[in-house]
Amino acid sequence: MLILASIIEKETGSPADRPQVAAVFVNRLRRGMLLQTDPTVIYGLGERFDGNLRKVDLQTDTRWNTYTRPGLPPTPIAMPGLASLQAAAKPPPSDRLYFVARGDGSSVFSASLNEHNSAVARYQGR
């Protein structure tokens, strides 16, 4: 729970989004999907991270890279606050599997890859 809470803590600054972020991660873990969360990659890069996360970074295997390794990383990546611990302990029921940052601190949550790709295109211009 502490490891999951640490990822939730780093993934969003929005207290309202923490339960939904937790639900997405739990849903992905239950389905055997990779978590694919950028904060774990950044943590694994350590001092090599220069503030710009690149595709090569996502493909660089470290013990914490949830793009290359299934499940949770071996250790927490941050000290989670109470809201992240509560979200990890009791995520709400949800069918969501994806989320993307809106750019205002909040996220858009999606149940399908098509919905997610649309949200990515809208909010991140990719």
Protein backbone atom coordinates (compact mmCIF):
# COMPACT_ATOMS: atom_id res chain seq x y z
CA MET A 1 0.00 0.00 0.00
CA LEU A 2 2.85 2.39 0.81
CA ILE A 3 4.45 1.87 -2.60
CA LEU A 4 1.14 2.47 -4.39
CA ALA A 5 0.43 5.54 -2.22
CA SER A 6 3.85 6.96 -3.08
CA ILE A 7 3.09 6.69 -6.80
CA ILE A 8 -0.32 8.32 -6.31
CA GLU A 9 1.38 11.14 -4.39
CA LYS A 10 3.77 11.88 -7.26
CA GLU A 11 1.22 11.35 -10.02
CA THR A 12 -1.22 14.11 -9.05
CA GLY A 13 -1.29 17.31 -7.06
CA SER A 14 -5.08 17.33 -7.08
CA PRO A 15 -6.58 15.91 -3.89
CA ALA A 16 -9.85 15.26 -5.73
CA ASP A 17 -8.07 13.09 -8.32
CA ARG A 18 -6.16 10.87 -5.90
CA PRO A 19 -8.94 8.27 -5.42
CA GLN A 20 -9.45 7.98 -9.18
CA VAL A 21 -5.70 7.65 -9.79
CA ALA A 22 -5.65 4.87 -7.18
CA ALA A 23 -8.58 3.15 -8.90
CA VAL A 24 -6.82 3.28 -12.28
CA PHE A 25 -3.66 1.72 -10.85
CA VAL A 26 -5.56 -1.00 -8.97
CA ASN A 27 -7.59 -1.80 -12.11
CA ARG A 28 -4.39 -2.04 -14.17
CA LEU A 29 -2.70 -4.26 -11.59
CA ARG A 30 -5.71 -6.57 -11.42
CA ARG A 31 -5.70 -6.96 -15.21
CA GLY A 32 -1.97 -7.58 -15.39
CA MET A 33 -1.40 -4.34 -17.29
CA LEU A 34 1.77 -2.30 -16.91
CA LEU A 35 1.25 0.75 -14.69
CA GLN A 36 3.18 2.98 -17.12
CA THR A 37 3.54 5.86 -14.71
CA ASP A 38 6.14 8.55 -15.41
CA PRO A 39 7.09 9.29 -11.77
CA THR A 40 8.47 5.76 -11.36
CA VAL A 41 10.65 6.24 -14.44
CA ILE A 42 11.91 9.57 -13.13
CA TYR A 43 12.70 8.03 -9.75
CA GLY A 44 14.62 5.20 -11.42
CA LEU A 45 16.66 7.62 -13.49
CA GLY A 46 17.81 9.42 -10.37
CA GLU A 47 20.37 12.15 -11.06
CA ARG A 48 20.32 11.34 -14.77
CA PHE A 49 16.87 12.94 -15.02
CA ASP A 50 17.29 16.44 -16.43
CA GLY A 51 13.68 17.58 -16.16
CA ASN A 52 12.70 16.36 -19.64
CA LEU A 53 11.25 12.86 -19.86
CA ARG A 54 11.98 11.30 -23.24
CA LYS A 55 10.81 8.16 -25.02
CA VAL A 56 14.26 6.61 -24.49
CA ASP A 57 13.80 7.16 -20.74
CA LEU A 58 10.52 5.25 -20.82
CA GLN A 59 12.34 2.38 -22.56
CA THR A 60 15.36 2.37 -20.22
CA ASP A 61 14.89 -0.51 -17.82
CA THR A 62 15.40 0.19 -14.12
CA ARG A 63 13.94 -1.59 -11.10
CA TRP A 64 11.37 1.24 -10.85
CA ASN A 65 10.38 1.58 -14.52
CA THR A 66 6.72 0.58 -14.69
CA TYR A 67 6.82 0.88 -18.49
CA THR A 68 9.27 -2.04 -18.69
CA ARG A 69 8.39 -4.04 -15.56
CA PRO A 70 5.05 -5.39 -14.38
CA GLY A 71 3.57 -4.74 -10.97
CA LEU A 72 4.70 -2.25 -8.39
CA PRO A 73 8.31 -1.10 -8.11
CA PRO A 74 10.43 -2.54 -5.28
CA THR A 75 10.30 0.53 -3.02
CA PRO A 76 8.25 3.69 -2.52
CA ILE A 77 9.26 6.60 -4.77
CA ALA A 78 8.18 9.36 -2.35
CA MET A 79 6.72 9.95 1.08
CA PRO A 80 2.95 9.88 0.57
CA GLY A 81 0.55 12.13 2.40
CA LEU A 82 -2.57 11.01 4.20
CA ALA A 83 -4.86 11.52 1.17
CA SER A 84 -2.68 9.27 -1.00
CA LEU A 85 -2.53 6.61 1.72
CA GLN A 86 -6.31 6.69 2.08
CA ALA A 87 -6.77 6.47 -1.70
CA ALA A 88 -4.43 3.49 -1.93
CA ALA A 89 -6.15 1.76 0.99
CA LYS A 90 -9.64 2.15 -0.38
CA PRO A 91 -9.86 3.13 -4.05
CA PRO A 92 -13.39 3.71 -5.30
CA PRO A 93 -15.06 1.31 -7.72
CA SER A 94 -14.22 2.38 -11.26
CA ASP A 95 -13.89 1.05 -14.79
CA ARG A 96 -11.15 3.58 -15.66
CA LEU A 97 -7.81 2.33 -16.93
CA TYR A 98 -6.15 5.52 -18.15
CA PHE A 99 -5.64 9.15 -17.25
CA VAL A 100 -3.87 12.18 -18.66
CA ALA A 101 -3.04 15.52 -17.11
CA ARG A 102 -5.13 18.47 -18.26
CA GLY A 103 -2.36 20.96 -17.55
CA ASP A 104 -4.18 22.62 -14.66
CA GLY A 105 -3.24 20.04 -12.02
CA SER A 106 -6.24 17.82 -12.67
CA SER A 107 -6.62 14.77 -14.91
CA VAL A 108 -9.06 13.26 -17.39
CA PHE A 109 -9.89 9.61 -16.74
CA SER A 110 -10.84 7.12 -19.46
CA ALA A 111 -12.11 3.56 -19.59
CA SER A 112 -10.91 2.78 -23.13
CA LEU A 113 -7.71 3.35 -25.03
CA ASN A 114 -9.62 5.27 -27.72
CA GLU A 115 -11.02 7.69 -25.11
CA HIS A 116 -7.55 8.06 -23.61
CA ASN A 117 -5.91 8.77 -26.95
CA SER A 118 -8.50 11.47 -27.63
CA ALA A 119 -7.82 13.04 -24.24
CA VAL A 120 -4.05 12.92 -24.84
CA ALA A 121 -4.50 14.63 -28.21
CA ARG A 122 -6.72 17.28 -26.64
CA TYR A 123 -4.68 18.08 -23.54
CA GLN A 124 -1.14 17.30 -24.58
CA GLY A 125 -1.29 17.97 -28.30
CA ARG A 126 0.32 14.67 -29.26
